[in-house]
Amino acid sequence: MKNRNVPSVDKVRWLWTGLIWGLVTFVLVEIIIGPLTGDAAISLKTFYIGIPIWTVAGLCFGLSMRWWESRKGGK
């Protein structure tokens, strides 16, 4: 019997794409590039502010990619 409550991989791919993009961007900007440029030191405050910002940015990226794929016909 097939469980109909579990979404297919194609329907949630945008979510994982966005979360991974947000995580990679967070690590690059907050942990690698930020301290190298001398803008800010790594602190818990930076993490607490950066995590929600980059999570939302990643989800927006994932949604825009979902929109873009559906607009051009997807797979």
Protein backbone atom coordinates (compact mmCIF):
# COMPACT_ATOMS: atom_id res chain seq x y z
CA MET A 1 0.00 0.00 0.00
CA LYS A 2 1.41 3.35 -1.04
CA ASN A 3 1.57 6.10 1.59
CA ARG A 4 0.01 9.21 0.06
CA ASN A 5 1.08 11.57 2.84
CA VAL A 6 4.79 11.47 1.93
CA PRO A 7 5.67 14.05 -0.75
CA SER A 8 7.75 12.87 -3.67
CA VAL A 9 11.40 13.85 -3.96
CA ASP A 10 10.66 16.19 -6.87
CA LYS A 11 8.19 18.21 -4.79
CA VAL A 12 10.65 18.90 -1.96
CA ARG A 13 13.86 19.16 -4.01
CA TRP A 14 13.57 22.95 -3.99
CA LEU A 15 13.56 22.90 -0.19
CA TRP A 16 16.79 20.89 0.06
CA THR A 17 18.40 22.95 -2.68
CA GLY A 18 17.61 26.15 -0.81
CA LEU A 19 18.73 24.85 2.58
CA ILE A 20 22.03 23.57 1.20
CA TRP A 21 22.60 26.85 -0.65
CA GLY A 22 21.89 28.79 2.55
CA LEU A 23 24.26 26.62 4.57
CA VAL A 24 27.11 26.92 2.06
CA THR A 25 26.61 30.68 1.81
CA PHE A 26 26.50 31.03 5.60
CA VAL A 27 29.77 29.16 5.98
CA LEU A 28 31.46 31.15 3.22
CA VAL A 29 30.32 34.59 4.33
CA GLU A 30 30.25 34.30 8.11
CA ILE A 31 33.10 31.89 8.81
CA ILE A 32 35.57 32.19 5.94
CA ILE A 33 35.26 35.55 4.15
CA GLY A 34 34.14 37.72 7.08
CA PRO A 35 37.14 37.13 9.33
CA LEU A 36 39.58 37.22 6.39
CA THR A 37 38.45 40.69 5.38
CA GLY A 38 38.61 41.96 8.94
CA ASP A 39 34.94 42.95 9.01
CA ALA A 40 33.95 40.88 12.02
CA ALA A 41 35.27 38.24 14.33
CA ILE A 42 33.52 34.90 14.66
CA SER A 43 31.17 35.02 17.65
CA LEU A 44 27.94 33.45 18.88
CA LYS A 45 26.14 36.69 18.08
CA THR A 46 27.24 36.32 14.46
CA PHE A 47 25.87 32.78 14.38
CA TYR A 48 22.56 33.73 16.02
CA ILE A 49 21.99 36.54 13.56
CA GLY A 50 23.36 34.79 10.47
CA ILE A 51 21.59 31.43 10.75
CA PRO A 52 18.00 32.71 10.34
CA ILE A 53 19.04 35.24 7.70
CA TRP A 54 20.83 32.67 5.53
CA THR A 55 18.09 30.07 6.09
CA VAL A 56 15.44 32.46 4.79
CA ALA A 57 17.73 33.53 1.94
CA GLY A 58 18.30 29.88 1.03
CA LEU A 59 14.57 29.13 1.04
CA CYS A 60 13.97 32.16 -1.18
CA PHE A 61 16.67 30.87 -3.52
CA GLY A 62 15.08 27.41 -3.57
CA LEU A 63 11.64 28.86 -4.30
CA SER A 64 13.02 31.00 -7.09
CA MET A 65 14.69 27.94 -8.63
CA ARG A 66 11.40 26.04 -8.34
CA TRP A 67 9.62 28.91 -10.09
CA TRP A 68 12.34 29.09 -12.75
CA GLU A 69 12.13 25.35 -13.48
CA SER A 70 8.34 25.39 -13.70
CA ARG A 71 8.49 28.44 -15.98
CA LYS A 72 10.83 26.83 -18.47
CA GLY A 73 9.05 23.48 -18.40
CA GLY A 74 11.03 21.64 -15.71
CA LYS A 75 12.21 18.13 -16.36
